[in-house]
Amino acid sequence: MTEDVGSAAVPTAAGRSVEFWGYCMWGLAGLAIATSELASVFGLASWPTISNTIGHLETQHSFVRLIVVSVIVLLAYYAVPQLATPPEPTPQMVAGRTLTVNGRVTNPYSPITLLGAGYLLAAMGTFVFGVLFAATDRGMHPQSYLGAYVLYGLIALMWVIMPSILAMFFSRDVPFPTLFRTIGYLERRAHPIAAILLAALVVLLIHLAFYPWPRVQS
């Protein structure tokens, strides 16, 4: 099921607003990341956190640190204009780029089609698979990072990479906003919560870039 996004259309998918799906989808991704990070901080479990996983990659391949820093810089470059521009129910021009309703860069000369529930189900299905695979792998091989690579890789693929490719090259917009567009929606409803989430995200990104900061290695 798809919906054409016209100038007067209200963006919805599967009977709910894209704002609603933004909270749901990024909430799921945040749950997977935050749960493992908090469990590690308080010593409740040995589940590989996203920072442990990237740190492990950096120890195996030093160039990964450069990639991480580059991705963070790109995120900041695209995030700042989105956070400074109130979300609208139609495609927008932001910092000279045409963005879909959900905040992704797209072709300004092609009509945009909003995808329906199919993509939501596919993303949720891969999420469940990733969690089960990671849990099974960790149970069978306590020192393995394979499950973490699969789980966080699937989240990156279905939440960020695939939506960006679909919007940029195929004029298809998945039915939930980018993370920063979702924070923009939240800011209109509960500014303090949005500010706290944004601050936590900045701390996480710095943690990933300079892992194991703030812990100092002796």
N, C-alpha and C. Protein backbone atom coordinates (compact mmCIF):
# COMPACT_ATOMS: atom_id res chain seq x y z
N MET A 1 0.85 -1.20 0.00
CA MET A 1 0.00 0.00 0.00
C MET A 1 0.88 1.24 0.00
N THR A 2 0.59 2.17 -0.87
CA THR A 2 1.32 3.42 -0.90
C THR A 2 0.34 4.57 -0.94
N GLU A 3 0.84 5.74 -0.60
CA GLU A 3 0.02 6.94 -0.63
C GLU A 3 0.79 8.05 -1.31
N ASP A 4 0.21 8.72 -2.29
CA ASP A 4 0.87 9.84 -2.91
C ASP A 4 0.82 11.04 -1.97
N VAL A 5 1.95 11.70 -1.85
CA VAL A 5 2.04 12.85 -0.96
C VAL A 5 1.84 14.10 -1.80
N GLY A 6 0.69 14.68 -1.69
CA GLY A 6 0.39 15.90 -2.43
C GLY A 6 0.56 17.12 -1.56
N SER A 7 0.26 18.26 -2.12
CA SER A 7 0.51 19.51 -1.39
C SER A 7 -0.41 19.67 -0.19
N ALA A 8 -1.58 19.03 -0.20
CA ALA A 8 -2.52 19.20 0.90
C ALA A 8 -2.71 17.93 1.70
N ALA A 9 -1.89 16.89 1.41
CA ALA A 9 -2.08 15.60 2.06
C ALA A 9 -1.50 15.61 3.46
N VAL A 10 -2.17 14.92 4.37
CA VAL A 10 -1.66 14.72 5.71
C VAL A 10 -0.90 13.40 5.70
N PRO A 11 0.38 13.39 6.04
CA PRO A 11 1.15 12.15 5.95
C PRO A 11 0.72 11.11 6.97
N THR A 12 0.18 10.01 6.48
CA THR A 12 -0.24 8.91 7.34
C THR A 12 0.18 7.60 6.70
N ALA A 13 0.28 6.57 7.51
CA ALA A 13 0.59 5.22 7.03
C ALA A 13 -0.05 4.23 7.98
N ALA A 14 -0.70 3.21 7.41
CA ALA A 14 -1.37 2.20 8.22
C ALA A 14 -2.33 2.83 9.22
N GLY A 15 -2.96 3.94 8.83
CA GLY A 15 -3.98 4.56 9.65
C GLY A 15 -3.46 5.46 10.76
N ARG A 16 -2.15 5.62 10.86
CA ARG A 16 -1.59 6.48 11.90
C ARG A 16 -0.63 7.48 11.26
N SER A 17 -0.37 8.58 11.95
CA SER A 17 0.50 9.61 11.41
C SER A 17 1.95 9.14 11.37
N VAL A 18 2.73 9.74 10.47
CA VAL A 18 4.14 9.38 10.42
C VAL A 18 4.85 9.79 11.71
N GLU A 19 4.34 10.80 12.39
CA GLU A 19 4.91 11.19 13.68
C GLU A 19 4.78 10.04 14.67
N PHE A 20 3.61 9.42 14.72
CA PHE A 20 3.37 8.28 15.59
C PHE A 20 4.36 7.16 15.29
N TRP A 21 4.52 6.84 13.98
CA TRP A 21 5.43 5.76 13.61
C TRP A 21 6.88 6.13 13.90
N GLY A 22 7.19 7.42 13.84
CA GLY A 22 8.54 7.85 14.21
C GLY A 22 8.85 7.52 15.66
N TYR A 23 7.91 7.82 16.55
CA TYR A 23 8.11 7.50 17.96
C TYR A 23 8.25 5.99 18.16
N CYS A 24 7.42 5.21 17.45
CA CYS A 24 7.46 3.75 17.59
C CYS A 24 8.78 3.17 17.09
N MET A 25 9.16 3.54 15.86
CA MET A 25 10.33 2.93 15.25
C MET A 25 11.63 3.35 15.92
N TRP A 26 11.78 4.65 16.18
CA TRP A 26 13.00 5.09 16.85
C TRP A 26 13.00 4.69 18.31
N GLY A 27 11.81 4.51 18.89
CA GLY A 27 11.72 3.99 20.25
C GLY A 27 12.26 2.57 20.33
N LEU A 28 11.92 1.75 19.32
CA LEU A 28 12.44 0.38 19.27
C LEU A 28 13.96 0.37 19.16
N ALA A 29 14.48 1.18 18.22
CA ALA A 29 15.93 1.24 18.04
C ALA A 29 16.61 1.75 19.31
N GLY A 30 16.03 2.79 19.92
CA GLY A 30 16.59 3.33 21.15
C GLY A 30 16.55 2.33 22.29
N LEU A 31 15.49 1.52 22.33
CA LEU A 31 15.37 0.51 23.37
C LEU A 31 16.49 -0.51 23.28
N ALA A 32 16.78 -0.95 22.05
CA ALA A 32 17.85 -1.94 21.85
C ALA A 32 19.20 -1.37 22.28
N ILE A 33 19.44 -0.09 21.96
CA ILE A 33 20.73 0.53 22.28
C ILE A 33 20.82 0.89 23.76
N ALA A 34 19.77 1.56 24.27
CA ALA A 34 19.81 2.04 25.65
C ALA A 34 19.82 0.89 26.66
N THR A 35 19.05 -0.17 26.39
CA THR A 35 18.98 -1.29 27.33
C THR A 35 20.36 -1.92 27.52
N SER A 36 21.06 -2.15 26.40
CA SER A 36 22.38 -2.77 26.51
C SER A 36 23.38 -1.83 27.17
N GLU A 37 23.31 -0.52 26.86
CA GLU A 37 24.22 0.43 27.46
C GLU A 37 24.01 0.52 28.98
N LEU A 38 22.74 0.61 29.41
CA LEU A 38 22.45 0.73 30.84
C LEU A 38 22.79 -0.56 31.58
N ALA A 39 22.52 -1.71 30.93
CA ALA A 39 22.86 -2.99 31.57
C ALA A 39 24.36 -3.10 31.78
N SER A 40 25.14 -2.58 30.82
CA SER A 40 26.60 -2.61 30.94
C SER A 40 27.08 -1.66 32.05
N VAL A 41 26.50 -0.46 32.09
CA VAL A 41 26.90 0.54 33.09
C VAL A 41 26.67 0.03 34.50
N PHE A 42 25.52 -0.63 34.72
CA PHE A 42 25.17 -1.08 36.07
C PHE A 42 25.56 -2.54 36.33
N GLY A 43 26.28 -3.14 35.38
CA GLY A 43 26.77 -4.50 35.58
C GLY A 43 25.68 -5.55 35.63
N LEU A 44 24.58 -5.33 34.94
CA LEU A 44 23.45 -6.26 35.00
C LEU A 44 23.57 -7.39 33.98
N ALA A 45 24.30 -7.17 32.90
CA ALA A 45 24.42 -8.19 31.86
C ALA A 45 25.67 -7.89 31.04
N SER A 46 26.10 -8.91 30.27
CA SER A 46 27.30 -8.75 29.45
C SER A 46 26.95 -8.60 27.97
N TRP A 47 25.71 -8.20 27.70
CA TRP A 47 25.27 -8.01 26.31
C TRP A 47 26.15 -6.94 25.66
N PRO A 48 26.65 -7.17 24.44
CA PRO A 48 27.51 -6.17 23.79
C PRO A 48 26.75 -4.89 23.48
N THR A 49 27.22 -3.78 24.01
CA THR A 49 26.61 -2.50 23.70
C THR A 49 27.05 -2.05 22.31
N ILE A 50 26.38 -1.03 21.78
CA ILE A 50 26.79 -0.52 20.48
C ILE A 50 28.19 0.08 20.56
N SER A 51 28.52 0.69 21.71
CA SER A 51 29.87 1.26 21.87
C SER A 51 30.91 0.15 22.00
N ASN A 52 30.61 -0.92 22.74
CA ASN A 52 31.52 -2.07 22.81
C ASN A 52 31.76 -2.66 21.43
N THR A 53 30.66 -2.77 20.67
CA THR A 53 30.75 -3.39 19.34
C THR A 53 31.62 -2.55 18.41
N ILE A 54 31.38 -1.25 18.39
CA ILE A 54 32.20 -0.38 17.54
C ILE A 54 33.63 -0.33 18.05
N GLY A 55 33.82 -0.31 19.38
CA GLY A 55 35.16 -0.36 19.95
C GLY A 55 35.89 -1.62 19.56
N HIS A 56 35.17 -2.74 19.52
CA HIS A 56 35.77 -4.01 19.09
C HIS A 56 36.21 -3.93 17.63
N LEU A 57 35.37 -3.33 16.80
CA LEU A 57 35.74 -3.14 15.40
C LEU A 57 36.97 -2.25 15.26
N GLU A 58 37.03 -1.20 16.08
CA GLU A 58 38.15 -0.28 16.01
C GLU A 58 39.46 -0.94 16.41
N THR A 59 39.39 -1.89 17.35
CA THR A 59 40.62 -2.59 17.74
C THR A 59 41.06 -3.56 16.66
N GLN A 60 40.09 -4.07 15.89
CA GLN A 60 40.43 -4.99 14.80
C GLN A 60 40.87 -4.25 13.55
N HIS A 61 40.26 -3.08 13.30
CA HIS A 61 40.55 -2.31 12.10
C HIS A 61 40.61 -0.83 12.48
N SER A 62 41.78 -0.26 12.53
CA SER A 62 41.94 1.11 13.03
C SER A 62 41.21 2.14 12.17
N PHE A 63 40.99 1.85 10.89
CA PHE A 63 40.32 2.81 10.01
C PHE A 63 38.85 3.01 10.38
N VAL A 64 38.30 2.09 11.17
CA VAL A 64 36.89 2.21 11.57
C VAL A 64 36.67 3.49 12.36
N ARG A 65 37.65 3.90 13.18
CA ARG A 65 37.50 5.13 13.95
C ARG A 65 37.29 6.33 13.03
N LEU A 66 38.02 6.36 11.91
CA LEU A 66 37.88 7.44 10.94
C LEU A 66 36.48 7.43 10.33
N ILE A 67 35.97 6.24 10.04
CA ILE A 67 34.62 6.12 9.49
C ILE A 67 33.59 6.63 10.48
N VAL A 68 33.74 6.25 11.75
CA VAL A 68 32.80 6.67 12.79
C VAL A 68 32.77 8.19 12.90
N VAL A 69 33.95 8.82 12.95
CA VAL A 69 34.01 10.27 13.07
C VAL A 69 33.40 10.93 11.83
N SER A 70 33.66 10.38 10.65
CA SER A 70 33.10 10.93 9.40
C SER A 70 31.58 10.86 9.41
N VAL A 71 31.03 9.73 9.86
CA VAL A 71 29.57 9.58 9.92
C VAL A 71 28.97 10.58 10.89
N ILE A 72 29.62 10.80 12.03
CA ILE A 72 29.11 11.76 13.02
C ILE A 72 29.11 13.16 12.45
N VAL A 73 30.16 13.53 11.71
CA VAL A 73 30.21 14.86 11.09
C VAL A 73 29.08 15.01 10.07
N LEU A 74 28.85 13.97 9.26
CA LEU A 74 27.76 14.02 8.28
C LEU A 74 26.40 14.13 8.97
N LEU A 75 26.23 13.39 10.06
CA LEU A 75 24.98 13.46 10.81
C LEU A 75 24.74 14.89 11.30
N ALA A 76 25.77 15.50 11.85
CA ALA A 76 25.62 16.88 12.33
C ALA A 76 25.29 17.83 11.19
N TYR A 77 25.92 17.62 10.03
CA TYR A 77 25.71 18.49 8.87
C TYR A 77 24.25 18.45 8.40
N TYR A 78 23.66 17.25 8.40
CA TYR A 78 22.27 17.13 7.96
C TYR A 78 21.27 17.37 9.08
N ALA A 79 21.71 17.17 10.33
CA ALA A 79 20.77 17.27 11.45
C ALA A 79 20.46 18.70 11.83
N VAL A 80 21.47 19.56 11.84
CA VAL A 80 21.27 20.93 12.32
C VAL A 80 20.18 21.66 11.54
N PRO A 81 20.18 21.65 10.19
CA PRO A 81 19.09 22.32 9.46
C PRO A 81 17.71 21.72 9.76
N GLN A 82 17.65 20.38 9.93
CA GLN A 82 16.35 19.76 10.23
C GLN A 82 15.83 20.19 11.59
N LEU A 83 16.73 20.24 12.57
CA LEU A 83 16.30 20.63 13.91
C LEU A 83 15.89 22.09 13.96
N ALA A 84 16.46 22.90 13.08
CA ALA A 84 16.15 24.33 13.07
C ALA A 84 14.92 24.66 12.24
N THR A 85 14.38 23.66 11.51
CA THR A 85 13.22 23.89 10.64
C THR A 85 12.03 23.10 11.16
N PRO A 86 10.92 23.74 11.50
CA PRO A 86 9.75 23.02 12.00
C PRO A 86 9.24 22.01 10.98
N PRO A 87 8.86 20.79 11.39
CA PRO A 87 8.32 19.80 10.47
C PRO A 87 7.05 20.29 9.80
N GLU A 88 6.89 19.99 8.53
CA GLU A 88 5.70 20.36 7.77
C GLU A 88 5.12 19.12 7.10
N PRO A 89 3.81 19.11 6.79
CA PRO A 89 3.19 17.93 6.17
C PRO A 89 3.42 17.85 4.66
N THR A 90 4.37 18.60 4.13
CA THR A 90 4.69 18.57 2.71
C THR A 90 6.21 18.59 2.55
N PRO A 91 6.72 18.17 1.39
CA PRO A 91 8.16 18.27 1.14
C PRO A 91 8.66 19.69 1.32
N GLN A 92 9.89 19.84 1.80
CA GLN A 92 10.45 21.15 2.12
C GLN A 92 11.81 21.34 1.45
N MET A 93 12.17 22.60 1.25
CA MET A 93 13.53 22.96 0.87
C MET A 93 14.26 23.38 2.15
N VAL A 94 15.29 22.65 2.53
CA VAL A 94 16.05 22.95 3.73
C VAL A 94 17.53 23.00 3.37
N ALA A 95 18.15 24.16 3.61
CA ALA A 95 19.58 24.35 3.32
C ALA A 95 19.90 23.99 1.88
N GLY A 96 19.00 24.34 0.96
CA GLY A 96 19.23 24.11 -0.45
C GLY A 96 18.96 22.70 -0.93
N ARG A 97 18.43 21.83 -0.04
CA ARG A 97 18.13 20.45 -0.42
C ARG A 97 16.64 20.19 -0.29
N THR A 98 16.10 19.40 -1.21
CA THR A 98 14.69 19.01 -1.12
C THR A 98 14.56 17.81 -0.21
N LEU A 99 13.73 17.95 0.83
CA LEU A 99 13.52 16.87 1.78
C LEU A 99 12.11 16.34 1.65
N THR A 100 11.97 15.04 1.84
CA THR A 100 10.64 14.44 1.87
C THR A 100 9.90 14.90 3.12
N VAL A 101 8.63 14.51 3.21
CA VAL A 101 7.84 14.82 4.41
C VAL A 101 8.54 14.32 5.67
N ASN A 102 9.25 13.19 5.53
CA ASN A 102 9.89 12.59 6.69
C ASN A 102 11.35 12.99 6.86
N GLY A 103 11.80 14.01 6.09
CA GLY A 103 13.11 14.60 6.35
C GLY A 103 14.28 13.99 5.62
N ARG A 104 14.03 13.24 4.53
CA ARG A 104 15.13 12.62 3.80
C ARG A 104 15.38 13.34 2.47
N VAL A 105 16.65 13.44 2.09
CA VAL A 105 17.00 14.10 0.84
C VAL A 105 16.44 13.29 -0.33
N THR A 106 15.83 14.00 -1.30
CA THR A 106 15.20 13.32 -2.42
C THR A 106 15.39 14.13 -3.70
N ASN A 107 14.95 13.55 -4.82
CA ASN A 107 15.01 14.21 -6.11
C ASN A 107 13.93 15.30 -6.18
N PRO A 108 14.31 16.55 -6.39
CA PRO A 108 13.31 17.63 -6.38
C PRO A 108 12.37 17.60 -7.58
N TYR A 109 12.70 16.81 -8.61
CA TYR A 109 11.91 16.82 -9.84
C TYR A 109 11.03 15.59 -10.01
N SER A 110 10.95 14.77 -8.97
CA SER A 110 10.16 13.55 -9.06
C SER A 110 9.12 13.51 -7.95
N PRO A 111 7.86 13.11 -8.27
CA PRO A 111 6.85 13.00 -7.20
C PRO A 111 7.24 11.93 -6.19
N ILE A 112 6.91 12.19 -4.95
CA ILE A 112 7.32 11.30 -3.86
C ILE A 112 6.15 10.40 -3.47
N THR A 113 6.44 9.13 -3.29
CA THR A 113 5.44 8.17 -2.85
C THR A 113 5.75 7.71 -1.43
N LEU A 114 4.77 7.83 -0.55
CA LEU A 114 4.93 7.39 0.83
C LEU A 114 4.58 5.91 0.93
N LEU A 115 5.51 5.10 1.35
CA LEU A 115 5.27 3.67 1.49
C LEU A 115 4.35 3.41 2.68
N GLY A 116 3.71 2.24 2.66
CA GLY A 116 2.73 1.92 3.70
C GLY A 116 3.24 0.94 4.73
N ALA A 117 2.31 0.09 5.22
CA ALA A 117 2.61 -0.78 6.35
C ALA A 117 3.63 -1.85 6.01
N GLY A 118 3.79 -2.17 4.72
CA GLY A 118 4.71 -3.22 4.33
C GLY A 118 6.13 -2.98 4.84
N TYR A 119 6.59 -1.73 4.70
CA TYR A 119 7.95 -1.45 5.16
C TYR A 119 8.04 -1.51 6.69
N LEU A 120 7.00 -1.05 7.37
CA LEU A 120 6.99 -1.11 8.83
C LEU A 120 7.11 -2.56 9.31
N LEU A 121 6.34 -3.44 8.67
CA LEU A 121 6.38 -4.86 9.05
C LEU A 121 7.74 -5.46 8.75
N ALA A 122 8.32 -5.10 7.61
CA ALA A 122 9.64 -5.63 7.25
C ALA A 122 10.69 -5.17 8.26
N ALA A 123 10.64 -3.89 8.64
CA ALA A 123 11.62 -3.36 9.59
C ALA A 123 11.46 -4.01 10.96
N MET A 124 10.21 -4.14 11.42
CA MET A 124 9.98 -4.77 12.72
C MET A 124 10.39 -6.23 12.69
N GLY A 125 10.14 -6.90 11.57
CA GLY A 125 10.53 -8.30 11.44
C GLY A 125 12.04 -8.48 11.52
N THR A 126 12.78 -7.61 10.84
CA THR A 126 14.24 -7.70 10.91
C THR A 126 14.75 -7.37 12.31
N PHE A 127 14.06 -6.46 12.99
CA PHE A 127 14.44 -6.12 14.36
C PHE A 127 14.29 -7.33 15.28
N VAL A 128 13.15 -8.00 15.19
CA VAL A 128 12.92 -9.18 16.02
C VAL A 128 13.95 -10.26 15.70
N PHE A 129 14.20 -10.46 14.41
CA PHE A 129 15.22 -11.45 14.02
C PHE A 129 16.57 -11.09 14.60
N GLY A 130 16.94 -9.80 14.53
CA GLY A 130 18.23 -9.37 15.04
C GLY A 130 18.37 -9.60 16.53
N VAL A 131 17.31 -9.28 17.29
CA VAL A 131 17.35 -9.49 18.74
C VAL A 131 17.49 -10.97 19.08
N LEU A 132 16.70 -11.82 18.41
CA LEU A 132 16.77 -13.26 18.67
C LEU A 132 18.12 -13.84 18.27
N PHE A 133 18.63 -13.40 17.13
CA PHE A 133 19.93 -13.89 16.68
C PHE A 133 21.02 -13.48 17.66
N ALA A 134 20.98 -12.20 18.10
CA ALA A 134 22.00 -11.71 19.03
C ALA A 134 21.94 -12.45 20.36
N ALA A 135 20.72 -12.68 20.86
CA ALA A 135 20.58 -13.38 22.13
C ALA A 135 21.06 -14.83 22.02
N THR A 136 20.71 -15.49 20.92
CA THR A 136 21.13 -16.87 20.72
C THR A 136 22.64 -16.98 20.58
N ASP A 137 23.21 -16.07 19.79
CA ASP A 137 24.66 -16.10 19.59
C ASP A 137 25.40 -15.85 20.90
N ARG A 138 24.93 -14.89 21.69
CA ARG A 138 25.59 -14.57 22.96
C ARG A 138 25.46 -15.73 23.94
N GLY A 139 24.29 -16.42 23.90
CA GLY A 139 24.11 -17.56 24.79
C GLY A 139 25.04 -18.72 24.43
N MET A 140 25.27 -18.93 23.14
CA MET A 140 26.11 -20.04 22.69
C MET A 140 27.60 -19.68 22.73
N HIS A 141 27.91 -18.42 22.48
CA HIS A 141 29.31 -17.97 22.43
C HIS A 141 29.42 -16.67 23.22
N PRO A 142 29.65 -16.74 24.54
CA PRO A 142 29.61 -15.56 25.41
C PRO A 142 30.56 -14.44 25.01
N GLN A 143 31.64 -14.73 24.31
CA GLN A 143 32.59 -13.69 23.92
C GLN A 143 32.40 -13.21 22.49
N SER A 144 31.37 -13.70 21.83
CA SER A 144 31.17 -13.39 20.41
C SER A 144 30.51 -12.01 20.22
N TYR A 145 30.90 -11.35 19.15
CA TYR A 145 30.28 -10.07 18.77
C TYR A 145 29.44 -10.21 17.50
N LEU A 146 29.35 -11.44 16.98
CA LEU A 146 28.61 -11.63 15.73
C LEU A 146 27.16 -11.19 15.86
N GLY A 147 26.49 -11.59 16.94
CA GLY A 147 25.10 -11.21 17.13
C GLY A 147 24.91 -9.71 17.22
N ALA A 148 25.85 -9.03 17.88
CA ALA A 148 25.77 -7.57 17.98
C ALA A 148 25.94 -6.93 16.61
N TYR A 149 26.88 -7.46 15.81
CA TYR A 149 27.06 -6.94 14.46
C TYR A 149 25.77 -7.06 13.65
N VAL A 150 25.12 -8.21 13.79
CA VAL A 150 23.88 -8.45 13.03
C VAL A 150 22.77 -7.52 13.51
N LEU A 151 22.56 -7.43 14.82
CA LEU A 151 21.47 -6.61 15.36
C LEU A 151 21.64 -5.14 15.00
N TYR A 152 22.80 -4.56 15.35
CA TYR A 152 23.00 -3.14 15.08
C TYR A 152 23.13 -2.85 13.59
N GLY A 153 23.66 -3.82 12.85
CA GLY A 153 23.73 -3.66 11.39
C GLY A 153 22.36 -3.63 10.75
N LEU A 154 21.44 -4.48 11.22
CA LEU A 154 20.08 -4.49 10.69
C LEU A 154 19.34 -3.20 11.03
N ILE A 155 19.55 -2.69 12.24
CA ILE A 155 18.93 -1.41 12.61
C ILE A 155 19.44 -0.31 11.70
N ALA A 156 20.75 -0.24 11.48
CA ALA A 156 21.31 0.76 10.59
C ALA A 156 20.76 0.62 9.18
N LEU A 157 20.63 -0.62 8.71
CA LEU A 157 20.15 -0.87 7.35
C LEU A 157 18.70 -0.43 7.17
N MET A 158 17.81 -0.89 8.06
CA MET A 158 16.38 -0.66 7.87
C MET A 158 15.91 0.70 8.38
N TRP A 159 16.63 1.30 9.30
CA TRP A 159 16.22 2.60 9.87
C TRP A 159 16.89 3.78 9.17
N VAL A 160 18.09 3.58 8.61
CA VAL A 160 18.85 4.70 8.07
C VAL A 160 19.24 4.50 6.61
N ILE A 161 19.96 3.42 6.32
CA ILE A 161 20.55 3.25 4.98
C ILE A 161 19.49 3.04 3.91
N MET A 162 18.62 2.06 4.08
CA MET A 162 17.60 1.76 3.08
C MET A 162 16.62 2.92 2.88
N PRO A 163 16.11 3.55 3.96
CA PRO A 163 15.24 4.71 3.75
C PRO A 163 15.92 5.84 2.97
N SER A 164 17.21 6.07 3.23
CA SER A 164 17.93 7.13 2.52
C SER A 164 18.08 6.80 1.04
N ILE A 165 18.40 5.54 0.73
CA ILE A 165 18.54 5.12 -0.67
C ILE A 165 17.21 5.22 -1.39
N LEU A 166 16.13 4.75 -0.76
CA LEU A 166 14.81 4.80 -1.39
C LEU A 166 14.39 6.24 -1.68
N ALA A 167 14.66 7.14 -0.75
CA ALA A 167 14.26 8.54 -0.94
C ALA A 167 15.11 9.22 -2.00
N MET A 168 16.41 9.01 -1.96
CA MET A 168 17.31 9.75 -2.84
C MET A 168 17.24 9.28 -4.29
N PHE A 169 17.14 7.96 -4.50
CA PHE A 169 17.26 7.43 -5.85
C PHE A 169 15.94 6.92 -6.44
N PHE A 170 14.93 6.66 -5.59
CA PHE A 170 13.69 6.09 -6.09
C PHE A 170 12.46 6.91 -5.73
N SER A 171 12.63 8.05 -5.07
CA SER A 171 11.52 8.93 -4.67
C SER A 171 10.47 8.18 -3.87
N ARG A 172 10.93 7.29 -3.01
CA ARG A 172 10.06 6.55 -2.10
C ARG A 172 10.42 6.93 -0.67
N ASP A 173 9.41 7.27 0.12
CA ASP A 173 9.64 7.69 1.50
C ASP A 173 9.05 6.65 2.44
N VAL A 174 9.88 6.08 3.31
CA VAL A 174 9.36 5.09 4.26
C VAL A 174 8.44 5.80 5.25
N PRO A 175 7.53 5.07 5.87
CA PRO A 175 6.46 5.73 6.66
C PRO A 175 6.84 6.14 8.08
N PHE A 176 8.08 6.54 8.30
CA PHE A 176 8.45 7.13 9.58
C PHE A 176 9.57 8.13 9.34
N PRO A 177 9.63 9.20 10.13
CA PRO A 177 10.61 10.27 9.91
C PRO A 177 12.03 9.84 10.29
N THR A 178 12.99 10.65 9.87
CA THR A 178 14.35 10.49 10.36
C THR A 178 14.38 10.71 11.87
N LEU A 179 15.46 10.32 12.48
CA LEU A 179 15.59 10.51 13.93
C LEU A 179 15.46 11.99 14.30
N PHE A 180 16.13 12.86 13.53
CA PHE A 180 16.11 14.27 13.89
C PHE A 180 14.78 14.93 13.56
N ARG A 181 14.08 14.46 12.54
CA ARG A 181 12.73 14.97 12.29
C ARG A 181 11.78 14.52 13.40
N THR A 182 11.98 13.30 13.90
CA THR A 182 11.16 12.80 15.01
C THR A 182 11.41 13.63 16.26
N ILE A 183 12.67 13.97 16.54
CA ILE A 183 12.98 14.84 17.67
C ILE A 183 12.33 16.21 17.48
N GLY A 184 12.28 16.69 16.22
CA GLY A 184 11.61 17.95 15.93
C GLY A 184 10.13 17.90 16.27
N TYR A 185 9.48 16.76 15.93
CA TYR A 185 8.07 16.60 16.31
C TYR A 185 7.93 16.60 17.83
N LEU A 186 8.82 15.87 18.50
CA LEU A 186 8.74 15.77 19.95
C LEU A 186 8.96 17.12 20.62
N GLU A 187 9.84 17.93 20.02
CA GLU A 187 10.13 19.24 20.59
C GLU A 187 8.89 20.12 20.65
N ARG A 188 8.01 19.96 19.65
CA ARG A 188 6.77 20.76 19.65
C ARG A 188 5.81 20.31 20.75
N ARG A 189 5.90 19.05 21.15
CA ARG A 189 4.96 18.52 22.14
C ARG A 189 5.54 18.53 23.55
N ALA A 190 6.83 18.24 23.67
CA ALA A 190 7.45 18.15 25.00
C ALA A 190 8.91 18.57 24.86
N HIS A 191 9.13 19.87 24.85
CA HIS A 191 10.47 20.41 24.61
C HIS A 191 11.53 19.88 25.57
N PRO A 192 11.27 19.82 26.89
CA PRO A 192 12.30 19.32 27.81
C PRO A 192 12.74 17.89 27.50
N ILE A 193 11.78 17.03 27.14
CA ILE A 193 12.12 15.64 26.83
C ILE A 193 12.97 15.58 25.57
N ALA A 194 12.60 16.37 24.56
CA ALA A 194 13.39 16.40 23.32
C ALA A 194 14.81 16.88 23.60
N ALA A 195 14.95 17.88 24.46
CA ALA A 195 16.27 18.41 24.80
C ALA A 195 17.13 17.36 25.50
N ILE A 196 16.51 16.60 26.42
CA ILE A 196 17.22 15.55 27.14
C ILE A 196 17.67 14.45 26.17
N LEU A 197 16.78 14.04 25.28
CA LEU A 197 17.12 13.01 24.30
C LEU A 197 18.25 13.46 23.37
N LEU A 198 18.18 14.71 22.95
CA LEU A 198 19.22 15.24 22.06
C LEU A 198 20.56 15.29 22.78
N ALA A 199 20.55 15.70 24.04
CA ALA A 199 21.80 15.73 24.82
C ALA A 199 22.36 14.32 25.00
N ALA A 200 21.48 13.36 25.27
CA ALA A 200 21.93 11.97 25.42
C ALA A 200 22.51 11.44 24.11
N LEU A 201 21.91 11.83 23.00
CA LEU A 201 22.40 11.40 21.69
C LEU A 201 23.79 11.97 21.42
N VAL A 202 23.99 13.24 21.77
CA VAL A 202 25.31 13.86 21.58
C VAL A 202 26.36 13.14 22.42
N VAL A 203 26.03 12.83 23.65
CA VAL A 203 26.96 12.12 24.53
C VAL A 203 27.29 10.74 23.94
N LEU A 204 26.27 10.04 23.42
CA LEU A 204 26.50 8.73 22.82
C LEU A 204 27.42 8.83 21.61
N LEU A 205 27.21 9.84 20.77
CA LEU A 205 28.03 10.00 19.57
C LEU A 205 29.49 10.31 19.95
N ILE A 206 29.69 11.15 20.96
CA ILE A 206 31.05 11.44 21.43
C ILE A 206 31.67 10.17 22.00
N HIS A 207 30.87 9.41 22.73
CA HIS A 207 31.34 8.13 23.31
C HIS A 207 31.79 7.18 22.20
N LEU A 208 31.02 7.12 21.10
CA LEU A 208 31.39 6.25 19.99
C LEU A 208 32.65 6.74 19.28
N ALA A 209 32.77 8.05 19.12
CA ALA A 209 33.91 8.60 18.39
C ALA A 209 35.21 8.45 19.18
N PHE A 210 35.12 8.59 20.52
CA PHE A 210 36.33 8.58 21.34
C PHE A 210 36.31 7.43 22.35
N TYR A 211 35.69 6.32 21.95
CA TYR A 211 35.61 5.15 22.82
C TYR A 211 36.99 4.79 23.35
N PRO A 212 37.15 4.50 24.66
CA PRO A 212 36.10 4.25 25.67
C PRO A 212 35.74 5.47 26.52
N TRP A 213 35.96 6.69 26.04
CA TRP A 213 35.55 7.87 26.81
C TRP A 213 34.11 7.71 27.30
N PRO A 214 33.78 8.12 28.53
CA PRO A 214 34.60 8.90 29.48
C PRO A 214 35.51 8.07 30.37
N ARG A 215 35.50 6.74 30.16
CA ARG A 215 36.43 5.91 30.93
C ARG A 215 37.83 6.09 30.38
N VAL A 216 38.78 6.33 31.23
CA VAL A 216 40.16 6.58 30.81
C VAL A 216 40.95 5.28 30.93
N GLN A 217 41.60 4.92 29.82
CA GLN A 217 42.41 3.71 29.84
C GLN A 217 43.75 3.99 30.52
N SER A 218 44.14 3.08 31.39
CA SER A 218 45.41 3.25 32.09
C SER A 218 46.57 2.69 31.27
